[in-house]
Protein backbone atom coordinates (compact mmCIF):
# COMPACT_ATOMS: atom_id res chain seq x y z
CA MET A 1 50.24 -59.98 -1.97
CA THR A 2 49.92 -61.83 0.80
CA ARG A 3 50.02 -65.12 3.20
CA LYS A 4 52.18 -67.42 5.34
CA ALA A 5 53.43 -70.21 4.69
CA LYS A 6 56.54 -72.56 5.45
CA PRO A 7 59.72 -71.15 2.76
CA GLU A 8 60.41 -73.94 0.77
CA GLY A 9 64.39 -74.33 -0.01
CA SER A 10 67.16 -74.76 2.96
CA GLY A 11 70.17 -72.79 4.08
CA PHE A 12 70.77 -69.29 5.19
CA LEU A 13 67.86 -68.03 2.99
CA ALA A 14 65.52 -70.40 3.94
CA GLU A 15 66.05 -69.37 7.51
CA THR A 16 65.67 -66.12 7.31
CA ALA A 17 62.87 -65.54 4.79
CA GLN A 18 61.17 -68.24 7.75
CA GLU A 19 62.26 -65.78 10.47
CA GLY A 20 60.89 -62.71 8.46
CA GLN A 21 57.78 -63.82 8.43
CA GLU A 22 57.42 -64.58 12.10
CA SER A 23 58.50 -61.29 13.02
CA ILE A 24 56.66 -59.31 10.83
CA ALA A 25 53.07 -61.54 12.03
CA GLU A 26 54.42 -60.84 15.52
CA LEU A 27 55.05 -56.91 15.42
CA ASP A 28 54.25 -55.81 18.52
CA ASN A 29 55.21 -59.36 20.74
CA GLY A 30 57.82 -57.99 22.93
CA HIS A 31 60.70 -60.81 22.15
CA HIS A 32 59.74 -60.97 18.05
CA ARG A 33 60.88 -57.21 18.78
CA GLY A 34 64.80 -57.90 17.99
CA ARG A 35 64.51 -60.39 15.38
CA LEU A 36 62.18 -58.35 13.43
CA ALA A 37 65.09 -55.26 13.81
CA SER A 38 67.66 -57.69 12.55
CA ASN A 39 65.37 -59.06 9.89
CA ILE A 40 65.30 -55.69 8.47
CA PHE A 41 68.24 -54.91 9.05
CA ALA A 42 69.56 -57.43 7.01
CA LEU A 43 66.89 -56.75 4.26
CA TYR A 44 68.42 -53.17 4.42
CA ILE A 45 71.93 -54.57 3.63
CA LEU A 46 71.41 -56.22 0.45
CA GLN A 47 68.43 -53.27 -0.70
CA GLY A 48 71.45 -50.99 -0.03
CA VAL A 49 73.36 -52.17 -3.23
CA ASN A 50 70.38 -51.34 -5.40
CA TYR A 51 70.37 -48.00 -4.39
CA VAL A 52 73.85 -46.98 -3.95
CA VAL A 53 75.04 -48.46 -7.58
CA PRO A 54 72.31 -46.53 -9.63
CA LEU A 55 73.35 -43.29 -7.28
CA ALA A 56 77.25 -44.00 -8.24
CA ILE A 57 76.25 -44.76 -12.53
CA LEU A 58 73.40 -41.29 -12.22
CA PRO A 59 75.97 -38.73 -11.95
CA TYR A 60 78.72 -40.93 -13.80
CA LEU A 61 76.49 -40.78 -16.94
CA VAL A 62 75.12 -37.38 -16.14
CA ARG A 63 79.18 -35.98 -16.15
CA VAL A 64 80.46 -38.35 -18.93
CA VAL A 65 77.70 -38.63 -22.05
CA GLY A 66 76.20 -35.18 -21.19
CA MET A 67 72.89 -33.91 -19.92
CA GLU A 68 71.67 -33.50 -23.33
CA GLN A 69 72.83 -36.90 -24.36
CA TYR A 70 71.45 -38.10 -20.77
CA GLY A 71 68.05 -36.58 -21.54
CA LEU A 72 67.81 -38.91 -24.39
CA ILE A 73 68.24 -41.84 -22.34
CA ALA A 74 66.04 -41.09 -20.12
CA PHE A 75 63.37 -39.89 -23.11
CA ALA A 76 63.73 -43.34 -24.53
CA GLN A 77 63.65 -45.35 -21.10
CA SER A 78 60.69 -43.07 -20.14
CA LEU A 79 58.26 -44.52 -23.15
CA ALA A 80 59.81 -48.05 -22.53
CA GLN A 81 58.04 -47.64 -18.85
CA TYR A 82 54.96 -47.68 -20.74
CA PHE A 83 55.51 -51.13 -22.02
CA ASN A 84 57.07 -52.00 -18.19
CA LEU A 85 53.27 -51.14 -17.27
CA LEU A 86 51.66 -52.89 -20.39
CA THR A 87 53.75 -56.12 -19.75
CA ASP A 88 53.36 -55.98 -15.97
CA TYR A 89 49.07 -55.69 -16.16
CA GLY A 90 49.01 -55.33 -12.29
CA PHE A 91 50.55 -58.76 -11.98
CA ASN A 92 52.66 -57.45 -9.41
CA PHE A 93 50.17 -57.20 -7.29
CA SER A 94 47.55 -59.57 -8.23
CA GLY A 95 49.94 -62.09 -9.44
CA THR A 96 51.41 -61.59 -5.75
CA ARG A 97 48.30 -62.32 -4.37
CA ALA A 98 47.44 -65.35 -6.49
CA ILE A 99 50.77 -67.10 -5.75
CA ALA A 100 50.42 -65.75 -1.77
CA ARG A 101 47.14 -67.62 -1.50
CA LEU A 102 48.18 -71.05 -3.33
CA ARG A 103 51.42 -71.51 -2.40
CA ASN A 104 50.85 -74.52 0.23
CA ASP A 105 50.01 -76.46 -3.22
CA ALA A 106 52.85 -76.72 -5.39
CA LEU A 107 50.95 -77.98 -8.49
CA ALA A 108 48.60 -74.47 -8.02
CA VAL A 109 51.74 -72.26 -7.68
CA SER A 110 52.61 -73.75 -11.07
CA ARG A 111 50.46 -73.28 -13.05
CA ALA A 112 49.56 -69.74 -11.87
CA PHE A 113 53.15 -69.00 -11.95
CA SER A 114 52.97 -70.27 -16.03
CA THR A 115 50.02 -68.35 -16.95
CA ILE A 116 50.97 -65.35 -15.69
CA LEU A 117 54.29 -65.83 -17.52
CA PHE A 118 52.17 -66.48 -20.51
CA VAL A 119 50.35 -63.52 -20.70
CA LYS A 120 53.30 -61.25 -19.97
CA LEU A 121 54.78 -63.09 -22.92
CA VAL A 122 51.97 -62.23 -25.09
CA LEU A 123 51.96 -58.53 -24.17
CA LEU A 124 55.23 -58.25 -24.44
CA ALA A 125 55.73 -59.44 -28.42
CA PHE A 126 52.29 -56.81 -29.31
CA GLY A 127 53.97 -54.00 -27.35
CA PHE A 128 57.11 -54.99 -29.63
CA LEU A 129 54.71 -54.21 -33.01
CA LEU A 130 53.44 -51.23 -31.28
CA LEU A 131 56.35 -49.93 -30.54
CA SER A 132 57.76 -51.01 -33.88
CA ALA A 133 54.82 -48.59 -35.48
CA ILE A 134 55.63 -45.72 -33.11
CA VAL A 135 59.00 -45.51 -33.99
CA TRP A 136 58.91 -46.00 -38.12
CA VAL A 137 55.72 -43.60 -38.14
CA VAL A 138 57.16 -40.57 -35.85
CA PRO A 139 60.07 -38.44 -37.10
CA ARG A 140 61.29 -38.07 -33.40
CA PHE A 141 61.17 -41.47 -32.79
CA HIS A 142 62.13 -42.70 -35.66
CA GLN A 143 65.97 -40.42 -35.86
CA ASN A 144 66.62 -42.36 -32.47
CA ALA A 145 65.41 -45.15 -33.16
CA SER A 146 68.67 -47.65 -32.03
CA PHE A 147 67.68 -45.89 -28.29
CA PHE A 148 64.26 -46.96 -28.15
CA TYR A 149 64.71 -50.26 -29.14
CA ALA A 150 67.71 -50.70 -27.15
CA ALA A 151 65.08 -49.44 -24.30
CA TYR A 152 62.88 -52.10 -24.71
CA LEU A 153 65.23 -54.76 -24.07
CA ALA A 154 64.72 -53.85 -20.54
CA VAL A 155 61.62 -54.46 -20.90
CA LEU A 156 61.65 -58.35 -21.74
CA GLY A 157 63.91 -58.48 -18.62
CA ASN A 158 61.06 -57.21 -16.42
CA VAL A 159 58.95 -59.27 -18.06
CA LEU A 160 61.35 -62.77 -17.65
CA PHE A 161 62.10 -61.93 -13.85
CA PRO A 162 59.13 -63.31 -11.37
CA THR A 163 58.79 -60.12 -8.79
CA TRP A 164 55.30 -61.30 -8.15
CA TYR A 165 55.99 -64.72 -7.26
CA PHE A 166 59.33 -64.49 -5.24
CA GLN A 167 56.72 -61.84 -3.20
CA GLY A 168 54.14 -64.00 -3.33
CA VAL A 169 56.69 -66.47 -1.63
CA GLU A 170 57.57 -64.26 1.20
CA LYS A 171 61.18 -65.06 -0.45
CA MET A 172 62.10 -60.69 -1.58
CA ARG A 173 66.15 -61.80 -0.85
CA PHE A 174 66.25 -63.09 -4.12
CA ILE A 175 65.00 -59.79 -5.35
CA SER A 176 67.58 -57.93 -3.50
CA LEU A 177 70.49 -60.67 -4.51
CA ILE A 178 69.43 -60.94 -8.30
CA ALA A 179 69.10 -57.41 -8.85
CA GLY A 180 71.95 -56.07 -6.97
CA ALA A 181 74.34 -58.20 -9.02
CA THR A 182 73.50 -57.56 -12.49
CA ARG A 183 73.49 -53.92 -11.66
CA LEU A 184 76.65 -54.15 -9.94
CA ALA A 185 78.03 -55.87 -13.15
CA ALA A 186 76.14 -53.22 -15.12
CA ALA A 187 77.94 -50.42 -13.34
CA ILE A 188 81.28 -51.82 -13.82
CA ALA A 189 80.43 -52.34 -17.60
CA LEU A 190 79.69 -48.35 -17.51
CA PHE A 191 82.80 -46.85 -15.58
CA LEU A 192 85.03 -49.51 -18.25
CA PHE A 193 83.25 -48.84 -21.46
CA VAL A 194 81.51 -45.35 -21.33
CA ARG A 195 83.71 -42.81 -21.99
CA GLY A 196 81.92 -39.76 -23.97
CA ALA A 197 78.87 -38.43 -25.25
CA GLN A 198 79.44 -40.37 -28.46
CA ASP A 199 79.26 -43.93 -25.94
CA ALA A 200 75.17 -43.11 -25.07
CA MET A 201 73.86 -45.42 -26.76
CA LEU A 202 76.45 -48.26 -25.61
CA ALA A 203 75.37 -46.94 -21.76
CA LEU A 204 71.64 -47.67 -22.51
CA LEU A 205 72.43 -51.04 -23.95
CA ILE A 206 74.74 -52.09 -21.05
CA LEU A 207 72.01 -51.12 -18.88
CA SER A 208 68.71 -52.53 -20.53
CA LEU A 209 71.27 -55.97 -21.04
CA ALA A 210 71.64 -55.77 -17.57
CA GLN A 211 67.87 -56.15 -16.74
CA VAL A 212 67.68 -58.85 -19.41
CA ALA A 213 70.56 -60.96 -17.21
CA CYS A 214 68.29 -59.83 -14.49
CA GLY A 215 65.36 -62.13 -15.94
CA ILE A 216 66.78 -64.73 -16.75
CA ALA A 217 68.57 -65.08 -13.86
CA GLY A 218 65.49 -64.36 -11.76
CA LEU A 219 63.26 -66.98 -13.68
CA TRP A 220 66.47 -69.64 -13.65
CA VAL A 221 66.28 -69.46 -9.67
CA SER A 222 62.38 -69.95 -9.45
CA ILE A 223 62.42 -73.21 -12.06
CA ARG A 224 65.35 -74.71 -10.41
CA GLY A 225 65.67 -73.68 -7.34
CA LEU A 226 62.43 -73.16 -6.18
CA GLY A 227 61.14 -76.46 -7.83
CA VAL A 228 58.34 -73.96 -10.09
CA ARG A 229 57.41 -76.12 -13.29
CA LEU A 230 56.18 -74.58 -16.57
CA MET A 231 53.09 -75.57 -17.84
CA ARG A 232 50.91 -74.90 -20.46
CA PRO A 233 48.16 -72.68 -19.32
CA THR A 234 44.24 -73.12 -20.46
CA ARG A 235 42.49 -70.68 -21.97
CA ALA A 236 40.34 -70.43 -18.73
CA GLU A 237 43.10 -69.66 -16.51
CA ILE A 238 44.35 -66.91 -18.77
CA VAL A 239 40.70 -65.27 -18.66
CA ASP A 240 41.12 -65.62 -14.93
CA ALA A 241 44.29 -64.16 -14.63
CA SER A 242 43.47 -61.36 -17.03
CA LYS A 243 40.49 -60.57 -15.05
CA ASP A 244 42.14 -60.57 -11.77
CA GLY A 245 44.83 -57.94 -12.93
CA ALA A 246 42.49 -55.61 -14.78
CA HIS A 247 41.45 -53.25 -11.69
CA LEU A 248 45.11 -52.71 -10.61
CA PHE A 249 46.35 -52.55 -14.11
CA ILE A 250 44.48 -49.71 -14.65
CA SER A 251 45.82 -48.60 -10.88
CA THR A 252 49.33 -49.09 -11.90
CA ALA A 253 48.63 -46.88 -15.52
CA ALA A 254 47.15 -44.14 -13.80
CA ILE A 255 50.27 -44.21 -11.28
CA SER A 256 52.52 -44.08 -14.78
CA LEU A 257 50.16 -41.47 -15.50
CA TYR A 258 51.99 -38.76 -12.72
CA THR A 259 55.21 -40.70 -12.70
CA ASN A 260 56.68 -41.81 -15.76
CA THR A 261 54.70 -39.66 -17.68
CA ASN A 262 56.10 -36.20 -16.66
CA VAL A 263 59.46 -36.96 -17.78
CA PHE A 264 58.43 -38.53 -21.26
CA LEU A 265 56.18 -34.96 -21.60
CA VAL A 266 59.47 -32.69 -20.90
CA GLY A 267 60.83 -34.65 -23.35
CA ILE A 268 58.43 -34.06 -25.65
CA MET A 269 57.51 -30.58 -25.04
CA ALA A 270 60.97 -29.34 -23.49
CA GLY A 271 63.35 -31.48 -25.57
CA ASN A 272 66.32 -33.57 -24.66
CA LEU A 273 68.11 -31.08 -22.17
CA GLU A 274 65.24 -30.38 -19.75
CA ALA A 275 64.29 -33.84 -19.97
CA GLY A 276 67.64 -34.66 -18.63
CA TYR A 277 67.16 -31.86 -15.58
CA PHE A 278 64.34 -33.18 -14.86
CA SER A 279 65.44 -37.50 -14.61
CA ALA A 280 68.21 -36.71 -12.86
CA ALA A 281 66.69 -34.83 -10.38
CA GLU A 282 63.85 -37.31 -10.03
CA LYS A 283 66.01 -40.14 -10.20
CA LEU A 284 67.96 -39.16 -7.48
CA ILE A 285 64.61 -38.60 -5.48
CA ARG A 286 63.45 -41.69 -6.27
CA ALA A 287 66.29 -43.52 -5.48
CA MET A 288 65.40 -42.40 -1.62
CA GLN A 289 62.58 -44.27 -1.79
CA GLY A 290 64.56 -47.12 -1.37
CA LEU A 291 64.99 -45.76 2.75
CA SER A 292 61.33 -47.90 2.91
CA ALA A 293 61.71 -50.54 0.50
CA PRO A 294 62.32 -53.12 3.01
CA VAL A 295 59.88 -52.79 4.63
CA THR A 296 57.12 -52.27 2.47
CA GLN A 297 58.39 -55.31 0.62
CA ALA A 298 58.14 -57.51 4.20
CA VAL A 299 54.45 -55.85 4.77
CA PHE A 300 52.71 -56.08 1.71
CA PRO A 301 52.68 -59.73 0.77
CA HIS A 302 51.67 -60.86 4.67
CA MET A 303 49.57 -58.26 5.11
CA SER A 304 46.55 -60.51 3.39
CA GLY A 305 47.34 -63.17 5.19
CA LEU A 306 47.22 -61.50 8.64
CA LEU A 307 43.70 -60.08 7.21
CA GLU A 308 42.46 -63.63 7.25
CA ARG A 309 43.22 -64.42 10.62
CA SER A 310 42.45 -61.28 12.03
CA ARG A 311 41.30 -58.11 10.98
CA LYS A 312 42.36 -55.91 13.64
CA GLU A 313 45.92 -57.27 13.95
CA ALA A 314 45.97 -56.42 10.45
CA LEU A 315 44.74 -52.54 11.08
CA TYR A 316 47.06 -52.28 13.86
CA LEU A 317 49.79 -53.61 11.48
CA ALA A 318 49.16 -51.02 8.83
CA SER A 319 49.10 -48.11 11.50
CA ARG A 320 52.39 -49.32 12.93
CA THR A 321 54.04 -49.27 9.66
CA LEU A 322 52.68 -45.76 8.66
CA ARG A 323 53.85 -44.56 11.47
CA TRP A 324 57.51 -45.75 11.15
CA LEU A 325 57.60 -45.24 7.37
CA GLY A 326 56.52 -41.59 8.08
CA ALA A 327 59.35 -41.47 10.23
CA ILE A 328 62.11 -43.10 8.50
CA THR A 329 61.46 -41.10 5.11
CA LEU A 330 60.42 -37.42 6.64
CA ILE A 331 63.88 -36.55 7.66
CA PRO A 332 65.64 -37.06 4.65
CA SER A 333 63.41 -35.28 2.55
CA VAL A 334 63.75 -32.07 4.22
CA ALA A 335 67.29 -32.59 4.38
CA THR A 336 66.80 -32.47 0.91
CA LEU A 337 64.86 -29.64 0.54
CA VAL A 338 67.39 -27.71 2.51
CA PHE A 339 70.59 -29.07 0.92
CA ALA A 340 69.37 -29.21 -2.71
CA GLY A 341 72.37 -27.16 -3.98
CA PRO A 342 75.09 -28.93 -2.60
CA ILE A 343 73.36 -32.25 -3.56
CA VAL A 344 73.45 -31.11 -6.94
CA LEU A 345 77.09 -30.10 -7.41
CA LEU A 346 77.97 -32.93 -5.50
CA PHE A 347 76.30 -35.81 -7.86
CA PHE A 348 76.10 -33.93 -11.26
CA GLY A 349 78.85 -30.75 -11.16
CA HIS A 350 78.30 -27.26 -12.27
CA GLY A 351 76.31 -28.51 -15.77
CA ALA A 352 73.41 -29.70 -14.01
CA THR A 353 72.66 -26.54 -11.97
CA ALA A 354 69.19 -25.92 -13.62
CA SER A 355 67.75 -29.17 -11.68
CA VAL A 356 68.05 -27.56 -8.14
CA PRO A 357 64.98 -26.30 -7.86
CA VAL A 358 63.51 -29.11 -9.37
CA ILE A 359 64.69 -31.35 -6.66
CA ARG A 360 63.62 -28.56 -4.44
CA TRP A 361 59.94 -28.99 -5.68
CA ILE A 362 60.23 -32.91 -5.56
CA ALA A 363 62.09 -33.11 -2.31
CA PHE A 364 59.26 -34.48 -0.01
CA LEU A 365 58.30 -37.12 -2.81
CA PRO A 366 59.82 -39.86 -0.40
CA PHE A 367 57.80 -39.13 2.22
CA LEU A 368 54.48 -38.66 0.60
CA ILE A 369 54.67 -41.94 -1.71
CA ALA A 370 55.52 -43.78 2.13
CA ILE A 371 52.62 -42.79 2.88
CA SER A 372 50.80 -43.17 -0.03
CA ASN A 373 51.82 -46.97 -0.30
CA VAL A 374 50.93 -47.74 2.95
CA LEU A 375 47.24 -45.83 2.78
CA GLY A 376 47.10 -47.66 -1.10
CA ILE A 377 48.97 -51.07 -1.75
CA GLN A 378 48.95 -51.99 2.17
CA THR A 379 45.77 -51.16 3.31
CA MET A 380 43.25 -50.71 0.55
CA VAL A 381 44.40 -53.27 -1.67
CA PRO A 382 44.18 -55.75 0.97
CA PHE A 383 40.79 -54.85 2.28
CA GLY A 384 39.19 -55.37 -1.01
CA LEU A 385 39.06 -51.44 -2.07
CA ASP A 386 40.77 -52.30 -5.20
CA LYS A 387 38.26 -50.48 -7.41
CA GLN A 388 38.56 -47.20 -5.14
CA PHE A 389 42.11 -47.26 -5.45
CA SER A 390 42.16 -46.99 -8.72
CA TRP A 391 39.74 -44.47 -9.33
CA ILE A 392 41.73 -42.33 -7.29
CA LEU A 393 44.97 -43.04 -8.85
CA VAL A 394 42.46 -42.66 -12.10
CA MET A 395 41.60 -39.05 -10.98
CA ALA A 396 45.33 -38.26 -9.84
CA GLY A 397 46.97 -39.12 -13.41
CA LEU A 398 44.35 -37.01 -15.22
CA PHE A 399 44.83 -34.37 -12.88
CA ASN A 400 48.27 -34.01 -13.34
CA LEU A 401 48.16 -34.34 -17.35
CA ALA A 402 46.24 -31.37 -16.69
CA MET A 403 48.43 -29.47 -14.85
CA ALA A 404 51.96 -30.66 -15.99
CA ILE A 405 51.11 -30.10 -20.16
CA PRO A 406 50.50 -26.02 -19.14
CA LEU A 407 53.45 -25.89 -16.27
CA ILE A 408 55.77 -27.47 -18.20
CA HIS A 409 54.91 -25.10 -21.43
CA PHE A 410 55.88 -22.14 -19.15
CA TYR A 411 58.61 -23.59 -16.43
CA GLY A 412 60.21 -26.69 -18.34
CA ALA A 413 61.23 -29.21 -15.74
CA VAL A 414 60.48 -27.51 -13.10
CA GLY A 415 56.64 -27.18 -14.18
CA ALA A 416 56.92 -30.65 -14.11
CA GLY A 417 58.39 -30.82 -10.52
CA ILE A 418 55.07 -28.28 -9.58
CA SER A 419 52.44 -31.34 -11.10
CA VAL A 420 53.88 -34.44 -9.38
CA LEU A 421 54.22 -32.82 -5.94
CA ALA A 422 50.69 -31.57 -5.89
CA THR A 423 49.46 -35.01 -7.57
CA GLU A 424 51.53 -37.09 -4.83
CA ILE A 425 49.14 -34.97 -2.26
CA LEU A 426 46.10 -35.21 -3.92
CA VAL A 427 46.63 -38.88 -3.87
CA ILE A 428 47.01 -39.04 -0.02
CA CYS A 429 44.06 -36.87 0.75
CA GLY A 430 41.78 -39.30 -0.96
CA MET A 431 43.14 -42.27 0.07
CA PHE A 432 41.80 -41.05 3.58
CA ALA A 433 39.29 -39.73 2.37
CA VAL A 434 38.24 -43.11 1.37
CA LEU A 435 39.50 -45.81 4.19
CA ASN A 436 37.96 -42.74 6.90
CA LYS A 437 34.48 -43.59 5.30
CA HIS A 438 34.54 -47.02 5.53
CA GLY A 439 35.61 -46.85 9.10
CA ILE A 440 39.59 -47.27 8.93
CA HIS A 441 41.51 -44.86 10.66
CA LEU A 442 45.43 -45.80 10.63
CA VAL A 443 46.22 -42.26 12.37
CA ARG A 444 44.61 -43.14 15.50
CA SER A 445 46.61 -44.68 18.41
CA LYS A 446 44.89 -48.26 18.34
CA ALA A 447 43.22 -48.51 14.63
CA VAL A 448 39.98 -50.26 14.68
CA ALA A 449 37.75 -50.86 11.85
CA VAL A 450 33.86 -49.89 12.53
């Protein structure tokens, strides 16, 4: 999450990573603005494939395997997402923060890297045992056991891919390059081999194996390319890493209660077809969040380092980021609301028209999530408001469950859309209230902490 240090490595990637750090750190300095713009533009280019490819895959899968089989794929992936949450254990935040603070000490980085990877692998093994128990005890899951195990392969890939490390050393380009290459390969395989509803299992397997390949490649780059050494962690290091990630694990678990849980609930309560309608709409909207991803990836690891040097500068950066991300995401959100019908016909065809009202209800998610990202992850966490951040998300998750269950019962996929929109609004209101209580006013022209 944080810090400023000279990137390792050489050549184009090292130079551009260094330029990115310098330009973001001096956001408001005139002669650095052009460099900042060029670096963010480069990140958008690299990120583009990570959003264009899924947007190409999604309509193809819906049209070829059918909405019901696509719903089964989405349902299996939503269960696997809980295990992703378990194995992440908040390390995408706490691990990033730890690596960023230690990155001038190669030995300390290697020890932290090895400890986090060890904990994640232990959680992966525990998750597999838990999945097996669920699959063989619950008839609904037992009937489609192969889908759930295929989806779990993606959890292995997620464990192996050290996103938290690349963010900590501010080498986010590696994330985009590796993920982009594997997703492109998966897309090609899908277009070549998936031809009908009978290939739904194959489609899920291709997507999961692509994630495994991504994880292996990311681990290889970390060890062979950036010099990380795998070491045996001590018991004290394992305990410390687990404690460090605890609050943020609660936060990410709470986030899942109003993101991933809705797909799962729709699948359980309304069936695979309704799950397909909701998942197709949600993934289309979530892909739009890529508009803000390069900015948040650049700001997130830098904020804590800037905070250590100047609280006022960190607040000013957060304030500027809030305004820019709001502007970047508001216009496409409005356009999606207005043109939901043509968008669904273009991407999914007439068989998915039931997704139109869902898209209209969640059209503003890219805007709302961009705002909450700045308020929460970019501001509350670096400023030490981890506990408040966690409680907001826990309350939001419980609020979503309380709303989603009856709404899905009566309105199916549309009910899930209504619930997640209301929950995101609640999250933003809670974050603004906590920040204002602590004297952090990001909407002022010059944000200053009292």
